Amino acid sequence: MSKTTRATQVLEKAKIAFTVHTYEYDPNAERIGLQAAEAIGEEPHRVLKTLMAEVDGKAVCVVVPSDREVSMKKLAAAFKGKSANMMKPADAERLTGYHVGGISPFGQKKLVPTAIEEAAMSEALVYINGGQRGLQVRLAPKDALDVLKATAAALVA
């Protein structure tokens, strides 16, 4: 497995301090984020999952703890929209250039507005997908917020 991806290149170029962590990806896991947390031995609330959604028909990226579910109402509100829904996996792959299970908010083919669950901002370090299945990057959530030009918002139910 390569530890260099578009995601890690974006972080390096931005001079963001991060470490790379690999694990055995299980494509049959019921919840991929929770499987990643268990595989790397980290608390699920510190391992963030990257989800692609649509708010009023426009693509957005959402980063939330792997043990939580996104509230569509809060998601729409975070992007000042009326309605939100999850993006179809094939559309998410086409938009980001990453495969489901390996979608990172960093280095996506098309830049879209991004929001990170505000509760994650209180953690010293979080894990976020590094751009391929079985690869996580560990970094300060504030650094992720800055490099993504994201907003912190209440997103989970």
Protein backbone atom coordinates (compact mmCIF):
# COMPACT_ATOMS: atom_id res chain seq x y z
CA MET A 1 0.00 0.00 0.00
CA SER A 2 1.30 3.41 -0.95
CA LYS A 3 1.43 5.91 1.89
CA THR A 4 1.47 8.78 -0.60
CA THR A 5 -1.92 9.84 -1.93
CA ARG A 6 -3.44 13.07 -3.22
CA ALA A 7 -4.63 13.62 0.36
CA THR A 8 -1.17 13.30 1.92
CA GLN A 9 0.32 15.47 -0.83
CA VAL A 10 -2.19 18.25 -0.04
CA LEU A 11 -1.25 18.08 3.65
CA GLU A 12 2.48 18.10 2.89
CA LYS A 13 2.14 21.05 0.51
CA ALA A 14 0.19 22.97 3.19
CA LYS A 15 2.95 22.12 5.72
CA ILE A 16 0.45 20.42 8.02
CA ALA A 17 1.90 18.12 10.70
CA PHE A 18 0.39 14.64 10.33
CA THR A 19 1.23 10.97 10.69
CA VAL A 20 0.08 8.11 8.49
CA HIS A 21 -1.54 4.99 9.94
CA THR A 22 -2.39 1.87 7.96
CA TYR A 23 -4.74 -0.94 8.91
CA GLU A 24 -6.37 -4.00 7.39
CA TYR A 25 -9.44 -2.66 5.58
CA ASP A 26 -12.49 -4.93 5.79
CA PRO A 27 -14.78 -4.33 2.78
CA ASN A 28 -17.50 -6.39 4.50
CA ALA A 29 -17.57 -4.33 7.70
CA GLU A 30 -21.04 -3.13 8.61
CA ARG A 31 -19.69 0.31 9.53
CA ILE A 32 -16.36 1.15 7.90
CA GLY A 33 -15.45 3.98 10.27
CA LEU A 34 -15.96 1.83 13.35
CA GLN A 35 -13.92 -0.97 11.80
CA ALA A 36 -11.09 1.52 11.13
CA ALA A 37 -11.20 2.75 14.74
CA GLU A 38 -11.02 -0.77 16.09
CA ALA A 39 -8.24 -1.77 13.68
CA ILE A 40 -5.99 1.15 14.69
CA GLY A 41 -6.92 0.87 18.38
CA GLU A 42 -8.44 4.33 18.70
CA GLU A 43 -11.65 5.66 20.26
CA PRO A 44 -14.40 5.86 17.57
CA HIS A 45 -15.15 9.52 18.33
CA ARG A 46 -11.56 10.42 17.31
CA VAL A 47 -11.74 8.51 14.02
CA LEU A 48 -13.72 10.72 11.68
CA LYS A 49 -15.57 9.45 8.63
CA THR A 50 -15.84 11.43 5.41
CA LEU A 51 -19.28 11.50 3.83
CA MET A 52 -20.43 13.11 0.62
CA ALA A 53 -23.89 14.63 0.60
CA GLU A 54 -26.04 17.13 -1.25
CA VAL A 55 -27.68 20.21 0.21
CA ASP A 56 -30.36 21.68 -2.03
CA GLY A 57 -28.84 19.64 -4.88
CA LYS A 58 -25.27 20.95 -4.38
CA ALA A 59 -22.40 18.65 -3.37
CA VAL A 60 -20.89 19.01 0.10
CA CYS A 61 -18.38 17.07 2.18
CA VAL A 62 -19.09 16.21 5.81
CA VAL A 63 -16.57 14.92 8.37
CA VAL A 64 -18.07 13.40 11.53
CA PRO A 65 -17.06 10.92 14.27
CA SER A 66 -17.33 7.33 13.07
CA ASP A 67 -19.65 6.39 15.93
CA ARG A 68 -22.25 9.05 15.11
CA GLU A 69 -24.88 9.57 12.41
CA VAL A 70 -25.39 12.79 10.45
CA SER A 71 -28.62 14.69 11.06
CA MET A 72 -29.95 15.74 7.64
CA LYS A 73 -31.70 18.70 9.24
CA LYS A 74 -28.47 19.92 10.90
CA LEU A 75 -26.51 19.23 7.73
CA ALA A 76 -28.85 21.38 5.65
CA ALA A 77 -28.71 24.14 8.27
CA ALA A 78 -24.88 24.06 8.36
CA PHE A 79 -24.82 24.90 4.65
CA LYS A 80 -27.76 27.33 4.87
CA GLY A 81 -29.98 25.02 2.85
CA LYS A 82 -33.46 23.58 3.14
CA SER A 83 -32.89 19.88 2.52
CA ALA A 84 -30.02 17.41 2.56
CA ASN A 85 -29.45 13.83 1.46
CA MET A 86 -26.53 11.46 1.18
CA MET A 87 -24.86 11.27 -2.22
CA LYS A 88 -25.02 7.99 -4.16
CA PRO A 89 -21.72 6.08 -3.83
CA ALA A 90 -21.02 6.17 -7.59
CA ASP A 91 -21.56 9.95 -7.65
CA ALA A 92 -19.29 10.40 -4.61
CA GLU A 93 -16.53 8.38 -6.29
CA ARG A 94 -16.83 10.31 -9.53
CA LEU A 95 -16.79 13.69 -7.76
CA THR A 96 -13.92 12.96 -5.36
CA GLY A 97 -11.74 10.64 -7.42
CA TYR A 98 -11.60 8.28 -4.44
CA HIS A 99 -13.27 4.90 -3.83
CA VAL A 100 -15.94 4.53 -1.14
CA GLY A 101 -14.15 3.43 2.02
CA GLY A 102 -11.17 5.54 0.97
CA ILE A 103 -12.77 8.96 0.46
CA SER A 104 -10.73 11.71 2.05
CA PRO A 105 -11.79 15.34 2.38
CA PHE A 106 -8.24 16.25 1.32
CA GLY A 107 -7.25 16.25 -2.35
CA GLN A 108 -10.67 15.64 -3.87
CA LYS A 109 -10.88 16.14 -7.64
CA LYS A 110 -13.47 18.87 -7.20
CA LEU A 111 -13.41 21.24 -4.24
CA VAL A 112 -16.76 21.37 -2.47
CA PRO A 113 -17.86 23.14 0.71
CA THR A 114 -16.86 21.09 3.76
CA ALA A 115 -18.06 20.97 7.36
CA ILE A 116 -16.51 19.15 10.31
CA GLU A 117 -18.49 18.14 13.40
CA GLU A 118 -17.79 20.84 15.98
CA ALA A 119 -17.36 18.28 18.80
CA ALA A 120 -14.22 17.01 17.01
CA MET A 121 -12.59 20.42 17.49
CA SER A 122 -12.12 19.67 21.21
CA GLU A 123 -9.83 16.70 20.45
CA ALA A 124 -6.04 17.18 20.40
CA LEU A 125 -5.70 14.82 17.42
CA VAL A 126 -8.16 13.08 15.11
CA TYR A 127 -7.89 10.46 12.38
CA ILE A 128 -9.29 11.17 8.91
CA ASN A 129 -9.15 8.99 5.82
CA GLY A 130 -5.90 9.51 3.94
CA GLY A 131 -7.23 8.85 0.45
CA GLN A 132 -7.30 5.09 0.20
CA ARG A 133 -8.89 2.16 1.94
CA GLY A 134 -6.88 1.17 5.01
CA LEU A 135 -5.06 4.52 5.32
CA GLN A 136 -5.72 7.16 7.99
CA VAL A 137 -3.91 10.42 8.68
CA ARG A 138 -3.69 11.71 12.26
CA LEU A 139 -3.65 15.47 12.68
CA ALA A 140 -4.97 18.35 14.75
CA PRO A 141 -8.63 19.01 13.88
CA LYS A 142 -7.89 22.75 13.63
CA ASP A 143 -5.30 21.99 10.92
CA ALA A 144 -7.89 19.93 9.02
CA LEU A 145 -10.38 22.79 9.33
CA ASP A 146 -7.81 25.30 8.04
CA VAL A 147 -6.49 23.31 5.08
CA LEU A 148 -10.02 22.41 3.96
CA LYS A 149 -11.31 25.97 4.53
CA ALA A 150 -14.11 24.13 6.29
CA THR A 151 -16.59 25.24 8.89
CA ALA A 152 -17.17 23.59 12.25
CA ALA A 153 -20.85 22.90 12.83
CA ALA A 154 -23.21 20.70 14.82
CA LEU A 155 -23.88 17.93 12.30
CA VAL A 156 -24.75 14.78 14.23
CA ALA A 157 -28.10 13.56 15.51
